[in-house]
Amino acid sequence: MREKQRTEEELFDEQYRAVMWAVNPKNPLMAELQAIDKLLDESPELLEWVRADLDNSHKKPTGRPPEASAEQVLRSAILMQLRGLHYRQLAEEIDANMLYRKFTRFNGRKIPHFATLNNLIKMISDETVRRLNEALLKVGIKKKLEDGKSIRHDTSVAQTDIAYPMDARLLDDSVRVLCRHMQRLLEAAPELVFVFHDHSRAAKKRAYQIVLSKGKDVEAKRRPLYEALLELQRTTRRYADAALAALETEWEAAMRLEVMGEAIELENWLPLAERVYDQAHRRVILGQSVPADEKLVSIFEPHTAIICRGKQGGKTEFGHKFAVATGRSGLITYYEVLEGNPGDNEVLPRALEHHRKMFGRAPERLTADRRYHSADNERTAALAGVKEVALPKPGRLSELRRKLQQAPWFRRLLRFRAGIEGNLSTLLRSFGLKRCLWHGWRSFKAYIGLGVLTYNLRLIAGHLAHA
């Protein structure tokens, strides 16, 4: 009787067992990935949300089979965060490592190009990542890893991938970007007639001169350089306006896709360039103070907020705050990426509502640092049913408040609160949340959520492995 032909996956599994177990059957990385693999297999509903994102992508189908399934994309994203890899490294590591091939379910198949992996992973929306985290938290609750009775809160900052903001640099960036797209527009539509001179080199020179200026009268030296740079930027914006106006009369050229794309780019960059000019003119020429919420610190990441956390000796940070809550297990039960620079005390009511939704009740004990303290927060927690609330009050304390904060249960909760510092440190150092390399506000939120998801996956898998 003719023997049944084995599938590609069966052949790969046979080779995997022969090679990997022969090399080191007690490899800790292998044990960790196998535990996470088992946990993902127990939650097949996670893939439906990822598959929906991939199917609803704005990229049109080409008629070819997909280069990666929803499962492969999700597992590749988790592996990337778990091992701290960039996209090029991710593709190379999966291709060369049988353990990674097994975990990502590519097995013996061809690994997509790293740019393809980049596009596929970034199709996972921030809302989907949030739902994945909630589904994983329910797994942790079901397996009795976290009872949600004692909860601690804190915030940290994830920085966006931008250079340190300076007016000169922002003006130079805006000139360079506008000139680049106008040059491409002329190449795509040579019949367009408008005045255009590339001032990017002159703008770069002025920006360098401003940055390198030193001495006692540095502000006086910089002022004429800034005036020249502002004039170059204003002239470049006039060129861009003229280019768009010329395009309105050339309907045949405007209908070509490459021309349409460059016109859209110019229309997107011009308002940002105007904001850069306005704030630089107000600050340098008029000597006005521009409020932090009106400042633009990057034309490439315009959503970036200016974060001043009020810590002694703390530097100004550029990115976004994110709030987390953890229980005694270390599992992150709540996370939120905050827009702007709100106070930490604004997060707690939303976190309590989410906790009630996930656990069916409020926590019995709740603690956070002094930045979370407010009379409203203590009242909200008490009304929600929290029995012990330890939010230390900053500043001068009344005798009654001092006795409350010296109570044994209060001090015990503050010692418990200190443990969240280790959780945040692990997120920042080991899961890449110190600096977000993804572009855009929605991608920023998805990146933070993916870091939290990977952290929780490894934590739950570790607990189950030692159970």
Protein backbone atom coordinates (compact mmCIF):
# COMPACT_ATOMS: atom_id res chain seq x y z
CA MET A 1 0.00 0.00 0.00
CA ARG A 2 1.34 3.41 -0.93
CA GLU A 3 2.49 5.50 2.09
CA LYS A 4 0.59 8.76 2.72
CA GLN A 5 2.64 11.80 1.74
CA ARG A 6 3.53 13.97 4.74
CA THR A 7 2.67 17.65 4.74
CA GLU A 8 5.23 20.45 4.77
CA GLU A 9 4.37 21.23 8.39
CA GLU A 10 4.86 17.62 9.49
CA LEU A 11 8.25 17.48 7.77
CA PHE A 12 9.28 20.74 9.47
CA ASP A 13 8.14 19.47 12.89
CA GLU A 14 10.22 16.34 12.48
CA GLN A 15 13.29 18.38 11.56
CA TYR A 16 12.60 20.83 14.41
CA ARG A 17 12.47 18.07 17.02
CA ALA A 18 15.63 16.47 15.68
CA VAL A 19 17.62 19.70 15.68
CA MET A 20 16.33 21.82 18.58
CA TRP A 21 16.00 19.15 21.23
CA ALA A 22 19.34 17.65 20.29
CA VAL A 23 21.03 21.01 20.71
CA ASN A 24 19.64 22.02 24.12
CA PRO A 25 16.43 20.47 25.39
CA LYS A 26 16.44 22.77 28.48
CA ASN A 27 16.83 26.05 26.59
CA PRO A 28 14.99 28.67 28.76
CA LEU A 29 13.99 30.66 25.68
CA MET A 30 12.45 27.53 24.19
CA ALA A 31 10.48 26.89 27.37
CA GLU A 32 9.26 30.50 27.45
CA LEU A 33 8.14 30.51 23.82
CA GLN A 34 6.45 27.14 24.20
CA ALA A 35 4.50 28.43 27.22
CA ILE A 36 3.41 31.54 25.29
CA ASP A 37 2.59 29.36 22.27
CA LYS A 38 0.31 27.20 24.40
CA LEU A 39 -1.37 30.27 25.87
CA LEU A 40 -2.06 31.71 22.41
CA ASP A 41 -3.46 28.39 21.20
CA GLU A 42 -5.94 28.47 24.11
CA SER A 43 -7.30 31.84 22.90
CA PRO A 44 -8.15 31.41 19.20
CA GLU A 45 -10.61 34.34 19.34
CA LEU A 46 -7.63 36.72 19.43
CA LEU A 47 -6.95 35.98 15.78
CA GLU A 48 -10.39 37.07 14.58
CA TRP A 49 -9.78 40.71 15.52
CA VAL A 50 -6.35 40.71 13.88
CA ARG A 51 -7.77 39.06 10.76
CA ALA A 52 -10.46 41.75 10.58
CA ASP A 53 -7.79 44.48 10.66
CA LEU A 54 -5.81 42.80 7.89
CA ASP A 55 -8.95 42.35 5.76
CA ASN A 56 -10.11 45.94 6.32
CA SER A 57 -6.76 47.47 5.44
CA HIS A 58 -6.74 50.30 2.90
CA LYS A 59 -4.27 48.28 0.81
CA LYS A 60 -6.08 46.70 -2.12
CA PRO A 61 -5.73 42.97 -2.80
CA THR A 62 -3.41 42.04 -5.66
CA GLY A 63 -4.90 38.66 -6.50
CA ARG A 64 -1.89 36.89 -4.96
CA PRO A 65 -2.21 34.72 -1.85
CA PRO A 66 -1.51 36.64 1.41
CA GLU A 67 2.15 36.64 2.45
CA ALA A 68 1.27 35.96 6.10
CA SER A 69 -1.80 34.83 8.00
CA ALA A 70 -3.32 36.69 10.96
CA GLU A 71 -1.72 34.19 13.32
CA GLN A 72 1.72 34.66 11.77
CA VAL A 73 1.41 38.46 11.91
CA LEU A 74 0.32 38.50 15.57
CA ARG A 75 3.01 36.05 16.65
CA SER A 76 5.67 37.97 14.72
CA ALA A 77 4.62 41.19 16.47
CA ILE A 78 4.81 39.49 19.87
CA LEU A 79 8.23 38.01 19.07
CA MET A 80 9.49 41.43 17.95
CA GLN A 81 8.49 43.05 21.27
CA LEU A 82 9.64 40.07 23.33
CA ARG A 83 13.16 40.02 21.87
CA GLY A 84 13.52 43.77 21.22
CA LEU A 85 14.05 43.38 17.47
CA HIS A 86 13.76 45.83 14.60
CA TYR A 87 11.85 44.73 11.48
CA ARG A 88 14.95 43.82 9.50
CA GLN A 89 16.30 41.85 12.45
CA LEU A 90 12.89 40.20 12.92
CA ALA A 91 12.83 38.87 9.35
CA GLU A 92 16.45 37.69 9.57
CA GLU A 93 16.00 36.02 12.96
CA ILE A 94 12.83 34.17 11.95
CA ASP A 95 14.49 33.04 8.73
CA ALA A 96 17.61 31.71 10.48
CA ASN A 97 16.15 30.35 13.73
CA MET A 98 14.02 27.21 13.71
CA LEU A 99 12.65 28.03 17.15
CA TYR A 100 11.32 31.35 15.87
CA ARG A 101 9.96 29.70 12.72
CA LYS A 102 8.06 27.25 14.90
CA PHE A 103 6.71 29.95 17.22
CA THR A 104 5.55 32.27 14.40
CA ARG A 105 4.05 29.31 12.50
CA PHE A 106 6.01 30.08 9.33
CA ASN A 107 7.65 26.64 9.68
CA GLY A 108 9.38 25.85 6.40
CA ARG A 109 7.68 28.59 4.37
CA LYS A 110 9.38 31.63 2.88
CA ILE A 111 9.66 34.53 5.32
CA PRO A 112 8.17 37.80 4.00
CA HIS A 113 10.44 40.78 3.37
CA PHE A 114 11.00 42.91 6.47
CA ALA A 115 9.11 45.83 4.85
CA THR A 116 6.13 43.52 4.32
CA LEU A 117 6.26 42.44 7.97
CA ASN A 118 6.38 46.12 8.91
CA ASN A 119 3.23 46.89 6.89
CA LEU A 120 1.36 43.83 8.15
CA ILE A 121 2.11 44.39 11.85
CA LYS A 122 1.16 48.06 11.66
CA MET A 123 -2.23 47.10 10.23
CA ILE A 124 -3.16 45.90 13.74
CA SER A 125 -5.13 48.84 15.15
CA ASP A 126 -4.81 50.31 18.63
CA GLU A 127 -8.42 49.28 19.35
CA THR A 128 -7.64 45.67 18.43
CA VAL A 129 -4.59 45.67 20.70
CA ARG A 130 -6.75 47.00 23.54
CA ARG A 131 -9.26 44.18 22.99
CA LEU A 132 -6.43 41.64 22.89
CA ASN A 133 -5.17 42.92 26.24
CA GLU A 134 -8.63 42.68 27.80
CA ALA A 135 -9.09 39.13 26.48
CA LEU A 136 -5.70 38.13 27.88
CA LEU A 137 -6.53 39.71 31.24
CA LYS A 138 -9.70 37.60 31.37
CA VAL A 139 -7.50 34.51 30.85
CA GLY A 140 -5.37 35.56 33.82
CA ILE A 141 -8.48 36.09 35.93
CA LYS A 142 -9.97 32.74 34.86
CA LYS A 143 -6.77 30.92 35.77
CA LYS A 144 -6.81 32.66 39.19
CA LEU A 145 -3.51 34.43 38.67
CA GLU A 146 -4.99 37.79 39.65
CA ASP A 147 -7.93 38.42 41.97
CA GLY A 148 -7.93 42.21 41.57
CA LYS A 149 -8.32 42.83 45.32
CA SER A 150 -5.16 44.96 45.66
CA ILE A 151 -4.34 47.41 42.88
CA ARG A 152 -1.53 49.96 42.48
CA HIS A 153 -1.33 52.74 39.88
CA ASP A 154 1.43 54.81 38.31
CA THR A 155 2.37 56.63 35.10
CA SER A 156 5.44 56.86 32.92
CA VAL A 157 6.41 58.49 29.61
CA ALA A 158 7.12 56.90 26.24
CA GLN A 159 9.01 59.30 24.02
CA THR A 160 8.35 59.74 20.32
CA ASP A 161 11.19 59.19 17.87
CA ILE A 162 12.08 62.82 17.22
CA ALA A 163 15.16 65.02 17.48
CA TYR A 164 15.28 67.53 20.31
CA PRO A 165 12.92 70.33 19.21
CA MET A 166 14.40 73.71 18.31
CA ASP A 167 12.83 76.51 16.27
CA ALA A 168 15.76 76.50 13.83
CA ARG A 169 15.51 72.74 13.29
CA LEU A 170 11.74 72.86 12.77
CA LEU A 171 12.05 75.69 10.23
CA ASP A 172 14.79 73.79 8.40
CA ASP A 173 12.72 70.58 8.37
CA SER A 174 9.68 72.37 6.94
CA VAL A 175 11.72 73.99 4.14
CA ARG A 176 13.39 70.70 3.28
CA VAL A 177 10.14 68.72 3.16
CA LEU A 178 8.25 71.32 1.08
CA CYS A 179 11.12 71.65 -1.41
CA ARG A 180 11.36 67.88 -1.76
CA HIS A 181 7.69 67.47 -2.64
CA MET A 182 7.70 70.44 -5.03
CA GLN A 183 10.69 68.94 -6.83
CA ARG A 184 8.86 65.62 -7.13
CA LEU A 185 5.75 67.46 -8.35
CA LEU A 186 7.75 69.11 -11.15
CA GLU A 187 9.24 65.75 -12.13
CA ALA A 188 5.78 64.17 -12.25
CA ALA A 189 4.19 67.12 -14.12
CA PRO A 190 6.83 69.05 -16.16
CA GLU A 191 4.06 71.09 -17.82
CA LEU A 192 3.30 72.93 -14.57
CA VAL A 193 4.46 76.56 -14.58
CA PHE A 194 5.26 78.20 -11.23
CA VAL A 195 8.26 79.90 -9.62
CA PHE A 196 10.34 77.53 -7.52
CA HIS A 197 13.84 77.76 -6.08
CA ASP A 198 15.20 75.08 -3.76
CA HIS A 199 16.18 76.88 -0.55
CA SER A 200 16.84 73.73 1.48
CA ARG A 201 20.64 74.17 1.48
CA ALA A 202 20.40 77.83 2.50
CA ALA A 203 17.93 76.95 5.27
CA LYS A 204 20.19 74.18 6.56
CA LYS A 205 23.16 76.58 6.65
CA ARG A 206 21.21 79.18 8.65
CA ALA A 207 19.96 76.52 11.07
CA TYR A 208 23.52 75.30 11.71
CA GLN A 209 24.73 78.86 12.29
CA ILE A 210 21.95 79.41 14.83
CA VAL A 211 22.73 76.19 16.72
CA LEU A 212 26.49 76.88 16.78
CA SER A 213 26.17 80.50 17.93
CA LYS A 214 27.78 81.08 21.35
CA GLY A 215 28.94 83.89 23.58
CA LYS A 216 27.43 86.58 25.77
CA ASP A 217 25.36 88.19 23.03
CA VAL A 218 24.13 84.91 21.57
CA GLU A 219 20.51 86.09 21.28
CA ALA A 220 21.57 89.22 19.39
CA LYS A 221 23.70 87.07 17.05
CA ARG A 222 20.87 84.64 16.41
CA ARG A 223 18.18 87.19 15.69
CA PRO A 224 19.32 88.19 12.13
CA LEU A 225 19.94 84.50 11.34
CA TYR A 226 16.42 83.65 12.47
CA GLU A 227 15.01 86.51 10.40
CA ALA A 228 16.79 85.13 7.32
CA LEU A 229 15.60 81.57 8.05
CA LEU A 230 12.02 82.75 8.61
CA GLU A 231 12.09 84.59 5.29
CA LEU A 232 13.37 81.47 3.49
CA GLN A 233 10.58 79.40 5.03
CA ARG A 234 7.91 81.99 4.16
CA THR A 235 9.17 82.17 0.56
CA THR A 236 9.11 78.37 0.29
CA ARG A 237 5.49 78.31 1.50
CA ARG A 238 4.59 80.84 -1.17
CA TYR A 239 6.17 78.54 -3.78
CA ALA A 240 4.04 75.66 -2.47
CA ASP A 241 0.86 77.75 -2.63
CA ALA A 242 1.73 78.77 -6.19
CA ALA A 243 2.34 75.12 -7.14
CA LEU A 244 -1.09 74.09 -5.86
CA ALA A 245 -2.71 77.05 -7.62
CA ALA A 246 -0.99 76.11 -10.91
CA LEU A 247 -2.23 72.56 -10.53
CA GLU A 248 -5.84 73.77 -10.41
CA THR A 249 -5.57 74.98 -14.01
CA GLU A 250 -3.91 71.78 -15.28
CA TRP A 251 -6.72 69.26 -14.95
CA GLU A 252 -5.08 66.62 -17.11
CA ALA A 253 -1.91 66.66 -15.01
CA ALA A 254 -3.86 66.80 -11.74
CA MET A 255 -5.65 63.54 -12.55
CA ARG A 256 -2.41 61.53 -12.73
CA LEU A 257 -1.90 59.47 -9.58
CA GLU A 258 1.71 60.47 -8.94
CA VAL A 259 0.81 64.16 -9.30
CA MET A 260 -2.23 63.78 -7.08
CA GLY A 261 -0.10 62.10 -4.40
CA GLU A 262 2.43 64.94 -4.30
CA ALA A 263 -0.34 67.56 -4.22
CA ILE A 264 -1.90 65.82 -1.21
CA GLU A 265 1.50 65.77 0.51
CA LEU A 266 1.93 69.51 -0.02
CA GLU A 267 -1.55 70.20 1.33
CA ASN A 268 -0.75 68.12 4.43
CA TRP A 269 2.63 69.73 5.14
CA LEU A 270 1.68 73.38 4.54
CA PRO A 271 -0.45 73.86 7.71
CA LEU A 272 2.34 72.34 9.81
CA ALA A 273 4.88 74.67 8.18
CA GLU A 274 2.62 77.64 8.97
CA ARG A 275 2.42 76.60 12.64
CA VAL A 276 6.22 76.30 12.80
CA TYR A 277 6.62 79.78 11.31
CA ASP A 278 4.03 81.30 13.65
CA GLN A 279 5.52 79.92 16.87
CA ALA A 280 9.11 80.76 15.86
CA HIS A 281 8.12 84.32 14.90
CA ARG A 282 6.24 84.80 18.18
CA ARG A 283 9.02 83.42 20.35
CA VAL A 284 12.15 84.80 18.65
CA ILE A 285 11.05 88.00 16.92
CA LEU A 286 8.16 89.19 19.11
CA GLY A 287 9.55 87.79 22.37
CA GLN A 288 6.24 86.19 23.32
CA SER A 289 5.76 83.04 25.37
CA VAL A 290 3.93 80.29 23.48
CA PRO A 291 1.82 77.97 25.71
CA ALA A 292 2.97 74.35 25.75
CA ASP A 293 -0.34 73.05 24.38
CA GLU A 294 0.04 75.32 21.32
CA LYS A 295 3.61 74.34 20.52
CA LEU A 296 4.51 71.99 17.68
CA VAL A 297 7.69 70.08 18.54
CA SER A 298 7.91 67.97 15.37
CA ILE A 299 6.35 68.20 11.92
CA PHE A 300 6.85 64.44 11.52
CA GLU A 301 5.13 63.53 14.81
CA PRO A 302 2.74 66.47 15.35
CA HIS A 303 0.84 64.58 18.06
CA THR A 304 3.88 64.73 20.38
CA ALA A 305 3.14 66.38 23.73
CA ILE A 306 5.52 68.29 26.00
CA ILE A 307 5.68 66.40 29.30
CA CYS A 308 6.88 68.10 32.50
CA ARG A 309 6.30 65.72 35.37
CA GLY A 310 7.44 68.12 38.11
CA LYS A 311 10.14 65.81 39.45
CA GLN A 312 13.15 67.48 41.02
CA GLY A 313 15.92 67.52 38.45
CA GLY A 314 13.63 65.88 35.88
CA LYS A 315 14.08 66.88 32.26
CA THR A 316 11.32 67.87 29.87
CA GLU A 317 10.21 64.85 27.84
CA PHE A 318 8.57 64.72 24.42
CA GLY A 319 6.05 61.97 23.82
CA HIS A 320 3.02 60.77 25.76
CA LYS A 321 2.22 59.66 29.27
CA PHE A 322 0.82 56.20 29.75
CA ALA A 323 -0.90 55.01 32.91
CA VAL A 324 -0.83 51.42 34.19
CA ALA A 325 -2.35 49.48 37.07
CA THR A 326 -1.03 46.18 38.39
CA GLY A 327 -2.09 43.68 41.03
CA ARG A 328 -0.11 41.45 43.36
CA SER A 329 0.70 39.09 40.49
CA GLY A 330 2.37 41.92 38.55
CA LEU A 331 -0.19 41.51 35.78
CA ILE A 332 -1.13 44.82 34.12
CA THR A 333 -4.87 45.09 34.66
CA TYR A 334 -5.27 48.53 33.04
CA TYR A 335 -3.34 50.77 30.69
CA GLU A 336 -4.15 54.03 28.96
CA VAL A 337 -2.14 56.27 26.65
CA LEU A 338 -2.86 59.90 27.54
CA GLU A 339 -3.12 62.77 25.08
CA GLY A 340 -1.48 66.04 26.06
CA ASN A 341 -0.09 66.41 29.59
CA PRO A 342 -3.02 65.79 31.97
CA GLY A 343 -2.53 65.30 35.69
CA ASP A 344 -2.17 61.77 37.00
CA ASN A 345 -5.20 62.31 39.24
CA GLU A 346 -7.46 62.47 36.15
CA VAL A 347 -6.84 58.80 35.31
CA LEU A 348 -8.17 57.10 38.44
CA PRO A 349 -11.97 57.32 37.81
CA ARG A 350 -11.59 55.70 34.36
CA ALA A 351 -9.28 53.03 35.78
CA LEU A 352 -11.81 52.15 38.52
CA GLU A 353 -14.60 51.86 35.96
CA HIS A 354 -12.46 49.54 33.81
CA HIS A 355 -11.59 47.44 36.89
CA ARG A 356 -15.28 47.00 37.71
CA LYS A 357 -15.92 45.96 34.13
CA MET A 358 -13.16 43.32 34.12
CA PHE A 359 -13.47 41.94 37.67
CA GLY A 360 -17.14 42.63 38.33
CA ARG A 361 -16.35 44.68 41.45
CA ALA A 362 -14.09 47.42 42.74
CA PRO A 363 -10.73 46.55 44.34
CA GLU A 364 -10.64 46.21 48.12
CA ARG A 365 -7.33 48.06 48.40
CA LEU A 366 -6.01 50.82 46.13
CA THR A 367 -2.79 52.81 46.22
CA ALA A 368 -0.77 55.24 44.09
CA ASP A 369 1.80 57.98 44.59
CA ARG A 370 1.09 61.56 45.71
CA ARG A 371 0.43 62.80 42.17
CA TYR A 372 -2.78 60.74 42.18
CA HIS A 373 -4.06 62.38 45.34
CA SER A 374 -7.17 64.54 45.31
CA ALA A 375 -10.23 64.76 47.52
CA ASP A 376 -12.37 63.83 44.52
CA ASN A 377 -10.33 60.68 43.86
CA GLU A 378 -10.59 59.53 47.47
CA ARG A 379 -14.32 60.19 47.40
CA THR A 380 -14.75 58.39 44.04
CA ALA A 381 -12.82 55.35 45.30
CA ALA A 382 -14.86 55.21 48.51
CA LEU A 383 -18.16 55.46 46.63
CA ALA A 384 -17.00 52.71 44.25
CA GLY A 385 -16.58 50.38 47.23
CA VAL A 386 -12.81 50.50 47.83
CA LYS A 387 -12.24 49.75 51.52
CA GLU A 388 -8.65 50.99 51.87
CA VAL A 389 -7.41 53.94 49.80
CA ALA A 390 -3.75 54.98 50.23
CA LEU A 391 -3.11 58.14 48.22
CA PRO A 392 -0.50 60.19 50.15
CA LYS A 393 -1.30 63.88 50.28
CA PRO A 394 1.49 66.26 49.19
CA GLY A 395 2.43 69.36 51.18
CA ARG A 396 1.68 70.26 54.77
CA LEU A 397 -0.46 67.71 56.61
CA SER A 398 -3.02 68.27 59.32
CA GLU A 399 -2.71 66.25 62.51
CA LEU A 400 -5.62 64.03 61.46
CA ARG A 401 -4.13 63.42 58.00
CA ARG A 402 -0.71 62.69 59.47
CA LYS A 403 -2.14 60.04 61.77
CA LEU A 404 -4.04 58.50 58.84
CA GLN A 405 -0.90 58.25 56.68
CA GLN A 406 1.07 56.72 59.58
CA ALA A 407 -1.53 54.00 60.12
CA PRO A 408 -0.09 50.47 59.60
CA TRP A 409 -2.53 49.60 56.78
CA PHE A 410 -1.67 52.86 54.93
CA ARG A 411 2.09 52.29 55.20
CA ARG A 412 1.65 48.65 54.16
CA LEU A 413 -0.16 49.75 51.00
CA LEU A 414 2.58 52.29 50.21
CA ARG A 415 5.18 49.53 50.43
CA PHE A 416 3.01 47.49 48.06
CA ARG A 417 2.80 50.51 45.70
CA ALA A 418 6.60 50.58 45.36
CA GLY A 419 6.44 47.28 43.48
CA ILE A 420 4.92 48.95 40.42
CA GLU A 421 8.21 50.77 39.82
CA GLY A 422 9.75 47.43 38.91
CA ASN A 423 6.85 46.66 36.55
CA LEU A 424 7.32 50.01 34.78
CA SER A 425 11.08 49.54 34.60
CA THR A 426 10.58 46.18 32.89
CA LEU A 427 8.14 47.70 30.39
CA LEU A 428 10.53 50.54 29.55
CA ARG A 429 13.75 48.53 29.33
CA SER A 430 12.71 45.08 28.14
CA PHE A 431 9.65 45.84 26.01
CA GLY A 432 10.74 48.99 24.18
CA LEU A 433 8.31 51.43 25.80
CA LYS A 434 11.02 53.98 26.56
CA ARG A 435 10.87 55.23 22.97
CA CYS A 436 8.20 54.52 20.35
CA LEU A 437 9.66 54.00 16.87
CA TRP A 438 6.28 53.82 15.12
CA HIS A 439 4.90 56.80 13.22
CA GLY A 440 1.57 58.47 14.01
CA TRP A 441 -0.76 58.80 17.01
CA ARG A 442 -2.76 55.62 16.35
CA SER A 443 0.42 53.63 15.84
CA PHE A 444 1.84 55.11 19.05
CA LYS A 445 -1.14 53.77 21.02
CA ALA A 446 -0.90 50.40 19.27
CA TYR A 447 2.84 50.19 20.08
CA ILE A 448 2.25 50.82 23.80
CA GLY A 449 -0.59 48.30 23.85
CA LEU A 450 1.55 45.69 22.08
CA GLY A 451 4.28 46.15 24.70
CA VAL A 452 1.73 45.64 27.49
CA LEU A 453 0.29 42.59 25.70
CA THR A 454 3.70 40.96 25.36
CA TYR A 455 4.57 41.74 28.98
CA ASN A 456 1.33 40.13 30.21
CA LEU A 457 1.79 37.13 27.92
CA ARG A 458 5.24 36.40 29.30
CA LEU A 459 4.05 36.93 32.88
CA ILE A 460 1.03 34.63 32.56
CA ALA A 461 3.05 31.99 30.72
CA GLY A 462 5.70 32.11 33.46
CA HIS A 463 3.11 31.73 36.22
CA LEU A 464 1.48 28.77 34.45
CA ALA A 465 4.82 27.10 33.76
CA HIS A 466 5.67 27.10 37.48
CA ALA A 467 2.17 26.26 38.69
